[in-house]
Amino acid sequence: MSSKNPWDNGGDPWRKKKPDCDFLGDFLEKLKKSSQFFKKGDGDGGGSHQINFARLVVGAVCILYLGAGFYQVQHDQRGVVLRFGRWVRTVGPGLQYILPYPFESVVLQKVTKVNQIDIGSFFRNQQDESLMLTGDSNLANISFSVLWKIKEDGIEDYLFNAKNPEITVRAVAESVMRDIVGQTQFTYVQTEGRGEIQRKAMESLQAIMDEYKMGIDVVRVELQRVEPPASVIDSFRDVERAQAEQQSEKNKAEAYDRDTRARTRGLIAEKINNGEATKRSIIETARGAVARFLSAYSQYRLAPDIVSKRLYIECMRDIYKSVNKIVIDSDVKSVPYLPLTELNRAKTQGEEA
């Protein structure tokens, strides 16, 4: 038998550098035992046949071993490659390759999935978790949800900076919400303050996650339930009804006040407008009288006697127009009576008819 046979004399070419992987060592041990079957042949031809078979088997094993390093990363995943447990690189979607076990390993993690953590939920039955003290010293049952995902550029932080990131997010979110609620009145938390509280909680939680280098992106914080404890909920609802009635009466009073003020402003505006109109009328009348006087005065300066006589006649006409008159002819010895007043009245009535 040829001396080139590596299995002669109990030799083992793998003994000096045995791979760390047990399955490969076991396979070679079994291969060594099974090779005795081929030693039945005599001469160099038999030994050469045994060497070629061994090479073929070893080559096939190496190909299978190296081929085990191929893996697929999905479009919503990132792969973190570890070499002997230490991070070496992060790979994106597609067909990737690593050195097979035990040299390298890969951790596939979804980075687009939005995770949800419910705090104080009814289904969790955690009363201590939901009970919070408000800024006006009232107890409140508050439940909320935190929606978060892994940052695409922070997957290494997510995997290595916290043992259990979900527990950390839950604890920090509860602490942040208690701090915000503890500075806010219960009614504000329950009504118009929900949006502001959600925004503050999300910003504070994100700031702490960044400070801890958790590799987490907080999508949003949603308040689910804000109500008083079950033991005082009836009394609280009575208070709410009273407050609602108070607000209703307040609204009615404000509406009446606005209506009264509007009516008063309208009356004031009307009085002011009437006064302005009267003022303008008096001013225009005075201006007209002044214009007439100036016109008469200019005519008087040209012909004083004629203008004086005309003014006298006009004045007497205005005086006699509104009084009862008796006409007496000085040439007649008897005094006849001429009922001018009745005649005038009859004439006026006839014109009106």
Protein backbone atom coordinates (compact mmCIF):
# COMPACT_ATOMS: atom_id res chain seq x y z
CA MET A 1 0.00 0.00 0.00
CA SER A 2 1.35 3.45 -0.90
CA SER A 3 2.98 5.55 1.80
CA LYS A 4 1.16 8.62 0.42
CA ASN A 5 -2.08 7.47 2.00
CA PRO A 6 -2.79 9.92 4.83
CA TRP A 7 -4.69 7.30 6.78
CA ASP A 8 -1.73 4.82 6.99
CA ASN A 9 -0.26 4.01 10.38
CA GLY A 10 -3.18 5.57 12.20
CA GLY A 11 -2.35 9.07 10.90
CA ASP A 12 -4.96 11.82 11.01
CA PRO A 13 -4.26 14.99 8.98
CA TRP A 14 -7.08 16.87 10.86
CA ARG A 15 -5.71 16.11 14.33
CA LYS A 16 -3.41 19.13 14.46
CA LYS A 17 -6.16 21.66 13.57
CA LYS A 18 -9.51 20.31 14.48
CA PRO A 19 -12.39 22.62 13.52
CA ASP A 20 -14.46 24.10 16.27
CA CYS A 21 -17.64 22.76 14.73
CA ASP A 22 -18.40 19.31 16.17
CA PHE A 23 -20.51 18.15 13.24
CA LEU A 24 -17.53 18.40 10.87
CA GLY A 25 -15.23 16.47 13.26
CA ASP A 26 -17.81 13.75 13.77
CA PHE A 27 -18.30 13.49 10.04
CA LEU A 28 -14.55 13.04 9.45
CA GLU A 29 -14.29 10.44 12.19
CA LYS A 30 -17.07 8.46 10.59
CA LEU A 31 -15.39 8.92 7.21
CA LYS A 32 -12.12 7.56 8.67
CA LYS A 33 -13.87 4.44 9.95
CA SER A 34 -15.74 3.89 6.70
CA SER A 35 -12.49 4.14 4.70
CA GLN A 36 -11.47 0.71 5.99
CA PHE A 37 -13.95 -0.68 3.50
CA PHE A 38 -11.83 0.56 0.63
CA LYS A 39 -8.60 -0.93 1.99
CA LYS A 40 -9.55 -4.34 0.64
CA GLY A 41 -7.91 -3.44 -2.69
CA ASP A 42 -4.21 -4.27 -3.15
CA GLY A 43 -1.42 -2.25 -4.71
CA ASP A 44 -1.02 1.45 -5.49
CA GLY A 45 -4.17 1.49 -7.55
CA GLY A 46 -6.29 0.83 -4.49
CA GLY A 47 -4.54 3.50 -2.41
CA SER A 48 -4.92 6.07 -5.17
CA HIS A 49 -8.61 5.28 -5.37
CA GLN A 50 -8.96 5.84 -1.64
CA ILE A 51 -7.17 9.25 -1.83
CA ASN A 52 -9.40 10.47 -4.65
CA PHE A 53 -12.51 9.47 -2.73
CA ALA A 54 -11.32 11.27 0.38
CA ARG A 55 -10.58 14.41 -1.58
CA LEU A 56 -13.99 14.27 -3.19
CA VAL A 57 -15.72 13.93 0.16
CA VAL A 58 -13.68 16.71 1.75
CA GLY A 59 -14.32 19.01 -1.22
CA ALA A 60 -18.06 18.36 -1.06
CA VAL A 61 -18.08 19.06 2.66
CA CYS A 62 -16.16 22.32 2.16
CA ILE A 63 -18.55 23.45 -0.57
CA LEU A 64 -21.56 22.70 1.62
CA TYR A 65 -19.91 24.40 4.56
CA LEU A 66 -19.06 27.56 2.63
CA GLY A 67 -22.45 27.59 0.90
CA ALA A 68 -24.17 27.72 4.28
CA GLY A 69 -23.03 31.36 4.56
CA PHE A 70 -25.57 32.69 2.04
CA TYR A 71 -28.76 34.23 3.45
CA GLN A 72 -31.56 36.55 2.34
CA VAL A 73 -32.46 39.89 3.97
CA GLN A 74 -36.06 40.97 3.30
CA HIS A 75 -37.03 44.50 2.25
CA ASP A 76 -38.31 45.38 5.73
CA GLN A 77 -35.28 43.92 7.53
CA ARG A 78 -31.71 44.79 8.36
CA GLY A 79 -29.04 42.23 9.12
CA VAL A 80 -26.51 42.70 11.91
CA VAL A 81 -23.41 40.55 11.31
CA LEU A 82 -21.53 39.32 14.38
CA ARG A 83 -18.03 37.84 14.26
CA PHE A 84 -17.40 35.74 17.35
CA GLY A 85 -20.18 37.74 19.04
CA ARG A 86 -18.78 41.18 18.10
CA TRP A 87 -20.58 43.49 15.69
CA VAL A 88 -18.73 43.97 12.41
CA ARG A 89 -21.29 45.41 9.96
CA THR A 90 -24.96 45.99 9.18
CA VAL A 91 -26.33 44.91 5.82
CA GLY A 92 -29.45 45.93 3.90
CA PRO A 93 -32.03 43.95 1.89
CA GLY A 94 -30.90 41.38 -0.66
CA LEU A 95 -28.77 38.24 -0.89
CA GLN A 96 -25.88 38.48 1.56
CA TYR A 97 -22.98 36.29 2.68
CA ILE A 98 -21.24 35.64 5.98
CA LEU A 99 -18.53 33.28 7.06
CA PRO A 100 -20.31 30.15 8.29
CA TYR A 101 -20.60 29.15 11.90
CA PRO A 102 -18.69 29.47 14.17
CA PHE A 103 -16.95 32.47 12.64
CA GLU A 104 -19.87 34.75 11.91
CA SER A 105 -23.59 34.90 12.59
CA VAL A 106 -26.37 37.29 11.58
CA VAL A 107 -29.32 38.77 13.48
CA LEU A 108 -32.25 39.78 11.26
CA GLN A 109 -34.42 42.56 12.64
CA LYS A 110 -37.52 44.26 11.16
CA VAL A 111 -37.08 48.03 11.03
CA THR A 112 -40.41 49.08 9.43
CA LYS A 113 -42.71 47.33 11.87
CA VAL A 114 -44.56 49.71 14.24
CA ASN A 115 -44.67 48.19 17.72
CA GLN A 116 -47.32 49.10 20.29
CA ILE A 117 -47.07 49.11 24.07
CA ASP A 118 -50.29 49.54 26.09
CA ILE A 119 -49.88 51.02 29.55
CA GLY A 120 -52.71 50.95 32.08
CA SER A 121 -54.87 48.93 29.71
CA PHE A 122 -58.04 47.31 31.04
CA PHE A 123 -56.99 43.98 29.58
CA ARG A 124 -53.67 44.04 31.48
CA ASN A 125 -55.57 44.43 34.77
CA GLN A 126 -52.80 46.57 36.23
CA GLN A 127 -54.59 49.05 38.51
CA ASP A 128 -51.42 50.44 40.05
CA GLU A 129 -50.08 51.12 36.58
CA SER A 130 -53.12 53.18 35.53
CA LEU A 131 -53.64 55.17 38.75
CA MET A 132 -51.99 58.58 38.50
CA LEU A 133 -52.10 61.71 40.65
CA THR A 134 -53.04 64.91 38.82
CA GLY A 135 -51.87 68.43 39.50
CA ASP A 136 -55.04 69.29 41.48
CA SER A 137 -54.50 66.27 43.80
CA ASN A 138 -57.08 64.01 42.16
CA LEU A 139 -56.61 60.34 41.36
CA ALA A 140 -57.24 59.33 37.76
CA ASN A 141 -57.33 56.08 35.81
CA ILE A 142 -55.24 56.80 32.73
CA SER A 143 -54.40 54.35 29.98
CA PHE A 144 -52.35 55.16 26.91
CA SER A 145 -50.45 53.51 24.09
CA VAL A 146 -46.93 54.10 22.80
CA LEU A 147 -46.24 53.36 19.13
CA TRP A 148 -42.57 52.99 18.24
CA LYS A 149 -40.23 51.40 15.74
CA ILE A 150 -36.52 50.74 15.30
CA LYS A 151 -34.48 53.45 13.60
CA GLU A 152 -32.90 52.28 10.38
CA ASP A 153 -29.56 53.74 11.45
CA GLY A 154 -29.92 52.69 15.08
CA ILE A 155 -30.37 48.92 14.92
CA GLU A 156 -26.98 48.32 16.58
CA ASP A 157 -28.02 50.55 19.51
CA TYR A 158 -31.34 48.73 19.75
CA LEU A 159 -29.70 45.29 19.94
CA PHE A 160 -26.74 46.04 22.19
CA ASN A 161 -27.56 49.03 24.43
CA ALA A 162 -30.50 47.49 26.33
CA LYS A 163 -31.18 43.95 27.44
CA ASN A 164 -34.93 44.29 26.90
CA PRO A 165 -35.83 47.47 24.98
CA GLU A 166 -39.59 46.96 25.31
CA ILE A 167 -39.44 46.91 29.11
CA THR A 168 -37.29 50.05 29.04
CA VAL A 169 -39.74 51.87 26.74
CA ARG A 170 -42.66 50.88 28.99
CA ALA A 171 -40.94 52.06 32.17
CA VAL A 172 -39.79 55.36 30.69
CA ALA A 173 -43.18 56.07 29.06
CA GLU A 174 -45.03 55.49 32.33
CA SER A 175 -42.60 57.75 34.19
CA VAL A 176 -42.94 60.52 31.60
CA MET A 177 -46.76 60.36 31.63
CA ARG A 178 -46.89 60.46 35.44
CA ASP A 179 -44.65 63.52 35.45
CA ILE A 180 -46.82 65.39 32.90
CA VAL A 181 -50.14 64.41 34.51
CA GLY A 182 -48.79 65.36 37.93
CA GLN A 183 -48.44 68.95 36.72
CA THR A 184 -51.84 69.18 35.02
CA GLN A 185 -55.40 69.50 36.32
CA PHE A 186 -57.65 66.48 35.86
CA THR A 187 -60.32 68.32 33.86
CA TYR A 188 -57.72 69.62 31.41
CA VAL A 189 -56.27 66.14 30.95
CA GLN A 190 -59.73 64.71 30.29
CA THR A 191 -60.91 67.39 27.84
CA GLU A 192 -59.03 69.89 25.71
CA GLY A 193 -55.55 69.07 27.02
CA ARG A 194 -55.31 65.58 25.52
CA GLY A 195 -53.53 66.69 22.36
CA GLU A 196 -50.96 68.80 24.19
CA ILE A 197 -50.25 66.04 26.72
CA GLN A 198 -49.75 63.47 23.96
CA ARG A 199 -47.32 65.80 22.19
CA LYS A 200 -45.33 66.54 25.36
CA ALA A 201 -45.16 62.84 26.26
CA MET A 202 -43.91 61.88 22.79
CA GLU A 203 -41.23 64.61 22.80
CA SER A 204 -40.02 63.75 26.31
CA LEU A 205 -39.96 60.00 25.60
CA GLN A 206 -38.03 60.52 22.35
CA ALA A 207 -35.50 62.74 24.11
CA ILE A 208 -34.85 60.05 26.75
CA MET A 209 -34.58 57.32 24.11
CA ASP A 210 -31.99 59.40 22.27
CA GLU A 211 -30.11 60.08 25.49
CA TYR A 212 -30.01 56.36 26.29
CA LYS A 213 -29.03 55.60 22.66
CA MET A 214 -31.77 53.02 22.36
CA GLY A 215 -32.09 53.23 18.58
CA ILE A 216 -35.87 53.73 18.94
CA ASP A 217 -38.06 56.18 17.05
CA VAL A 218 -41.27 57.12 18.93
CA VAL A 219 -44.06 57.38 16.34
CA ARG A 220 -46.76 58.77 18.67
CA VAL A 221 -48.36 58.55 22.11
CA GLU A 222 -52.15 58.10 22.32
CA LEU A 223 -54.27 58.66 25.43
CA GLN A 224 -56.96 55.96 25.53
CA ARG A 225 -58.89 56.40 28.78
CA VAL A 226 -58.97 59.22 31.32
CA GLU A 227 -61.51 58.81 34.13
CA PRO A 228 -61.70 58.91 37.91
CA PRO A 229 -61.32 55.72 40.00
CA ALA A 230 -64.37 53.43 40.18
CA SER A 231 -64.90 54.16 43.89
CA VAL A 232 -65.58 57.87 43.30
CA ILE A 233 -66.87 57.87 39.74
CA ASP A 234 -70.53 58.51 40.75
CA SER A 235 -69.60 61.53 42.85
CA PHE A 236 -67.33 62.76 40.13
CA ARG A 237 -70.11 62.53 37.57
CA ASP A 238 -72.37 64.57 39.87
CA VAL A 239 -69.66 67.21 40.00
CA GLU A 240 -69.36 67.06 36.22
CA ARG A 241 -73.10 67.57 35.80
CA ALA A 242 -73.01 70.54 38.18
CA GLN A 243 -70.10 72.01 36.29
CA ALA A 244 -71.92 71.47 33.00
CA GLU A 245 -75.01 73.27 34.36
CA GLN A 246 -72.82 76.06 35.66
CA GLN A 247 -71.20 76.41 32.26
CA SER A 248 -74.63 76.40 30.58
CA GLU A 249 -75.90 79.19 32.82
CA LYS A 250 -72.68 81.09 32.27
CA ASN A 251 -73.12 80.77 28.52
CA LYS A 252 -76.71 82.03 28.75
CA ALA A 253 -75.61 85.01 30.84
CA GLU A 254 -72.84 85.82 28.40
CA ALA A 255 -75.30 85.57 25.50
CA TYR A 256 -77.74 87.92 27.28
CA ASP A 257 -74.88 90.30 28.03
CA ARG A 258 -73.79 90.32 24.39
CA ASP A 259 -77.38 90.90 23.21
CA THR A 260 -77.94 93.74 25.70
CA ARG A 261 -74.66 95.37 24.79
CA ALA A 262 -75.52 95.12 21.09
CA ARG A 263 -78.96 96.70 21.64
CA THR A 264 -77.44 99.48 23.77
CA ARG A 265 -74.80 100.19 21.16
CA GLY A 266 -77.58 100.36 18.55
CA LEU A 267 -79.60 102.87 20.59
CA ILE A 268 -76.51 104.97 21.24
CA ALA A 269 -75.65 104.96 17.56
CA GLU A 270 -79.24 105.96 16.69
CA LYS A 271 -79.19 108.87 19.17
CA ILE A 272 -75.84 110.02 17.88
CA ASN A 273 -77.04 109.87 14.28
CA ASN A 274 -80.22 111.81 15.10
CA GLY A 275 -78.19 114.43 16.95
CA GLU A 276 -75.81 114.76 14.03
CA ALA A 277 -78.74 115.12 11.62
CA THR A 278 -80.34 117.82 13.79
CA LYS A 279 -77.01 119.57 14.07
CA ARG A 280 -76.53 119.56 10.31
CA SER A 281 -80.13 120.78 9.79
CA ILE A 282 -79.69 123.73 12.19
CA ILE A 283 -76.37 124.66 10.66
CA GLU A 284 -77.79 124.55 7.13
CA THR A 285 -80.85 126.58 8.18
CA ALA A 286 -78.61 129.18 9.79
CA ARG A 287 -76.45 129.31 6.70
CA GLY A 288 -79.56 129.82 4.56
CA ALA A 289 -80.79 132.63 6.83
CA VAL A 290 -77.39 134.29 6.71
CA ALA A 291 -77.35 134.03 2.92
CA ARG A 292 -80.82 135.58 2.67
CA PHE A 293 -79.86 138.39 5.04
CA LEU A 294 -76.70 139.14 3.12
CA SER A 295 -78.64 139.14 -0.14
CA ALA A 296 -81.32 141.50 1.29
CA TYR A 297 -78.63 143.73 2.79
CA SER A 298 -76.87 144.06 -0.55
CA GLN A 299 -80.22 145.08 -2.15
CA TYR A 300 -80.93 147.49 0.74
CA ARG A 301 -77.66 149.29 0.15
CA LEU A 302 -78.65 149.85 -3.47
CA ALA A 303 -82.25 151.03 -2.77
CA PRO A 304 -82.94 151.51 0.95
CA ASP A 305 -86.49 152.94 0.61
CA ILE A 306 -87.78 150.28 -1.72
CA VAL A 307 -86.26 147.43 0.24
CA SER A 308 -87.53 148.85 3.55
CA LYS A 309 -91.03 149.13 2.19
CA ARG A 310 -90.89 145.58 0.76
CA LEU A 311 -89.62 144.20 4.04
CA TYR A 312 -92.38 146.02 5.91
CA ILE A 313 -95.04 144.62 3.61
CA GLU A 314 -93.67 141.08 3.91
CA CYS A 315 -93.52 141.36 7.66
CA MET A 316 -97.08 142.63 7.92
CA ARG A 317 -98.23 139.86 5.57
CA ASP A 318 -96.71 137.27 7.84
CA ILE A 319 -98.32 138.86 10.87
CA TYR A 320 -101.84 139.25 9.44
CA LYS A 321 -101.80 135.85 7.83
CA SER A 322 -102.38 134.09 11.14
CA VAL A 323 -104.87 136.47 12.86
CA ASN A 324 -108.58 137.34 12.46
CA LYS A 325 -109.00 140.55 10.46
CA ILE A 326 -111.79 143.14 10.13
CA VAL A 327 -111.63 145.56 7.17
CA ILE A 328 -113.07 149.06 7.73
CA ASP A 329 -113.45 151.64 4.98
CA SER A 330 -112.85 155.11 6.39
CA ASP A 331 -115.17 156.74 3.83
CA VAL A 332 -118.17 154.72 4.92
CA LYS A 333 -119.98 156.05 7.99
CA SER A 334 -121.45 152.71 8.92
CA VAL A 335 -119.19 149.79 9.80
CA PRO A 336 -120.01 146.83 7.60
CA TYR A 337 -118.70 143.43 8.65
CA LEU A 338 -116.80 141.31 6.14
CA PRO A 339 -116.23 137.73 7.42
CA LEU A 340 -112.86 137.21 5.81
CA THR A 341 -111.87 134.54 8.29
CA GLU A 342 -114.86 132.31 7.49
CA LEU A 343 -114.41 132.91 3.77
CA ASN A 344 -110.74 131.91 4.02
CA ARG A 345 -111.64 128.79 6.02
CA ALA A 346 -114.31 127.74 3.51
CA LYS A 347 -111.87 128.31 0.65
CA THR A 348 -109.22 126.18 2.34
CA GLN A 349 -111.66 123.35 3.04
CA GLY A 350 -112.85 123.48 -0.58
CA GLU A 351 -109.27 123.20 -1.86
CA GLU A 352 -108.56 120.26 0.46
CA ALA A 353 -111.72 118.47 -0.73
